[in-house]
């Protein structure tokens, strides 16, 4: 299978538990950290708190709109949150690593199945840069929101 990985990390000045709680709250917390420039919709379809939650997400990047139906799991509760759209072949994980009591390293990582052929080659060359830019904006919003 032709996949690629994109990830971005930042150290955020807040306790790991507070950051994780923000990420796992799909009713209010998680939507508040999504950059509005790219994320046009995040609707809870089922649940709303951590594992078992299902969300519909619409993203717009360079004029193209992409829709995902993500199912949330917690492979390591309190530390790793995962969103997966099986049909699209996309898995995004949020890993929160404590660094003392007052800060944590947050990593957003996505594994994606690339399109076949030339289209997939172009995707693998262009998408990672765009995705890292989105993740940097998202990490900045996490830092801003947990600071309030």
Protein backbone atom coordinates (compact mmCIF):
# COMPACT_ATOMS: atom_id res chain seq x y z
CA UNK A 1 0.00 0.00 0.00
CA UNK A 2 1.35 3.42 -0.98
CA UNK A 3 1.17 5.58 2.16
CA UNK A 4 2.90 8.64 3.54
CA UNK A 5 3.29 10.16 7.01
CA UNK A 6 3.14 13.83 7.94
CA UNK A 7 3.73 15.07 11.47
CA UNK A 8 4.35 18.26 13.37
CA UNK A 9 5.09 18.82 17.08
CA UNK A 10 5.20 21.70 19.51
CA UNK A 11 5.86 22.12 23.21
CA UNK A 12 2.83 23.75 24.80
CA UNK A 13 2.89 25.48 28.16
CA UNK A 14 0.01 23.67 29.85
CA UNK A 15 -0.42 20.45 31.80
CA UNK A 16 -0.75 17.38 29.58
CA UNK A 17 -4.08 16.41 31.16
CA UNK A 18 -5.61 19.79 30.28
CA UNK A 19 -4.40 19.54 26.68
CA UNK A 20 -5.69 15.98 26.30
CA UNK A 21 -9.07 16.92 27.78
CA UNK A 22 -9.34 19.73 25.22
CA UNK A 23 -8.53 17.39 22.33
CA UNK A 24 -10.92 14.65 23.51
CA UNK A 25 -13.88 17.06 23.85
CA UNK A 26 -15.45 17.02 20.38
CA UNK A 27 -18.46 19.08 21.46
CA UNK A 28 -16.54 22.30 22.21
CA UNK A 29 -12.84 21.74 22.88
CA UNK A 30 -11.63 20.07 19.69
CA UNK A 31 -13.59 22.33 17.33
CA UNK A 32 -12.03 25.37 19.05
CA UNK A 33 -8.51 24.31 18.00
CA UNK A 34 -9.32 23.78 14.31
CA UNK A 35 -8.05 26.65 12.12
CA UNK A 36 -11.15 28.20 10.49
CA UNK A 37 -9.14 28.94 7.34
CA UNK A 38 -9.05 25.19 6.58
CA UNK A 39 -11.77 23.52 8.67
CA UNK A 40 -15.21 24.54 7.50
CA UNK A 41 -17.26 22.08 9.54
CA UNK A 42 -16.86 19.69 12.46
CA UNK A 43 -20.14 18.03 13.40
CA UNK A 44 -20.49 15.40 16.12
CA UNK A 45 -22.52 12.49 14.76
CA UNK A 46 -22.18 10.19 17.77
CA UNK A 47 -20.78 10.55 21.28
CA UNK A 48 -18.71 13.65 21.74
CA UNK A 49 -16.13 12.71 24.34
CA UNK A 50 -13.13 10.59 23.39
CA UNK A 51 -13.37 7.00 22.17
CA UNK A 52 -16.46 6.09 20.21
CA UNK A 53 -17.08 9.62 18.99
CA UNK A 54 -17.86 10.02 15.31
CA UNK A 55 -17.45 13.38 13.59
CA UNK A 56 -18.05 14.71 10.10
CA UNK A 57 -15.30 17.11 9.05
CA UNK A 58 -15.15 19.32 5.98
CA UNK A 59 -11.84 20.88 5.02
CA UNK A 60 -11.06 23.37 2.31
CA UNK A 61 -7.53 23.65 1.01
CA UNK A 62 -6.67 25.71 -2.07
CA UNK A 63 -10.32 25.79 -3.12
CA UNK A 64 -10.85 22.02 -2.92
CA UNK A 65 -13.29 20.71 -0.31
CA UNK A 66 -12.72 17.30 1.25
CA UNK A 67 -15.15 15.55 3.60
CA UNK A 68 -14.18 12.97 6.21
CA UNK A 69 -16.18 10.83 8.60
CA UNK A 70 -13.81 10.21 11.47
CA UNK A 71 -14.16 7.62 14.23
CA UNK A 72 -12.25 8.40 17.40
CA UNK A 73 -10.34 5.87 19.49
CA UNK A 74 -7.95 6.19 22.40
CA UNK A 75 -5.08 3.72 21.90
CA UNK A 76 -3.45 5.15 25.05
CA UNK A 77 -6.15 6.99 27.05
CA UNK A 78 -4.91 10.30 28.40
CA UNK A 79 -1.95 10.25 26.01
CA UNK A 80 -2.95 9.22 22.44
CA UNK A 81 -6.16 10.10 20.61
CA UNK A 82 -6.74 8.72 17.11
CA UNK A 83 -9.17 9.74 14.35
CA UNK A 84 -9.72 7.38 11.44
CA UNK A 85 -11.69 7.56 8.20
CA UNK A 86 -11.44 4.00 6.90
CA UNK A 87 -12.99 4.84 3.54
CA UNK A 88 -10.57 7.71 2.86
CA UNK A 89 -7.58 5.79 4.20
CA UNK A 90 -6.64 8.52 6.70
CA UNK A 91 -5.55 8.13 10.33
CA UNK A 92 -4.62 11.17 12.40
CA UNK A 93 -3.21 10.81 15.91
CA UNK A 94 -2.73 13.39 18.62
CA UNK A 95 -0.01 12.40 21.07
CA UNK A 96 0.40 14.36 24.30
CA UNK A 97 3.67 13.72 26.14
CA UNK A 98 4.04 15.32 29.59
CA UNK A 99 7.20 17.36 30.16
CA UNK A 100 6.92 18.09 33.85
CA UNK A 101 3.78 19.53 35.45
CA UNK A 102 3.40 22.65 33.35
CA UNK A 103 4.09 21.68 29.75
CA UNK A 104 3.72 18.91 27.19
CA UNK A 105 4.88 18.02 23.71
CA UNK A 106 1.92 17.64 21.36
CA UNK A 107 2.39 15.79 18.08
CA UNK A 108 -0.17 15.66 15.30
CA UNK A 109 0.58 12.88 12.82
CA UNK A 110 -1.35 11.63 9.82
CA UNK A 111 -0.85 8.50 7.75
CA UNK A 112 -2.61 8.71 4.40
CA UNK A 113 -3.01 6.31 1.49
CA UNK A 114 -1.76 8.09 -1.63
CA UNK A 115 -3.63 8.03 -4.91
CA UNK A 116 -2.17 5.60 -7.47
CA UNK A 117 0.23 6.61 -10.23
CA UNK A 118 1.34 10.12 -11.12
CA UNK A 119 -1.46 11.69 -9.10
CA UNK A 120 -0.17 9.94 -5.97
CA UNK A 121 3.40 11.05 -6.67
CA UNK A 122 2.25 14.68 -6.97
CA UNK A 123 0.16 14.29 -3.80
CA UNK A 124 3.14 12.94 -1.85
CA UNK A 125 5.25 15.88 -3.05
CA UNK A 126 2.75 18.66 -2.27
CA UNK A 127 0.40 17.52 0.51
CA UNK A 128 2.97 17.17 3.34
CA UNK A 129 3.96 20.85 3.20
CA UNK A 130 0.34 21.97 3.26
CA UNK A 131 -0.51 19.54 6.07
CA UNK A 132 2.43 20.71 8.20
CA UNK A 133 1.25 24.32 7.77
CA UNK A 134 -2.23 23.31 8.94
CA UNK A 135 -0.79 21.40 11.91
CA UNK A 136 1.39 24.35 12.96
CA UNK A 137 -1.73 26.55 12.97
CA UNK A 138 -3.62 23.90 14.93
CA UNK A 139 -0.81 23.56 17.50
CA UNK A 140 -0.75 27.36 17.90
CA UNK A 141 -4.50 27.33 18.54
CA UNK A 142 -4.13 24.55 21.11
CA UNK A 143 -1.59 26.71 22.95
CA UNK A 144 -3.91 29.73 22.76
CA UNK A 145 -7.04 27.88 23.89
CA UNK A 146 -5.44 26.06 26.86
CA UNK A 147 -3.93 29.36 28.00
CA UNK A 148 -7.41 30.88 28.55
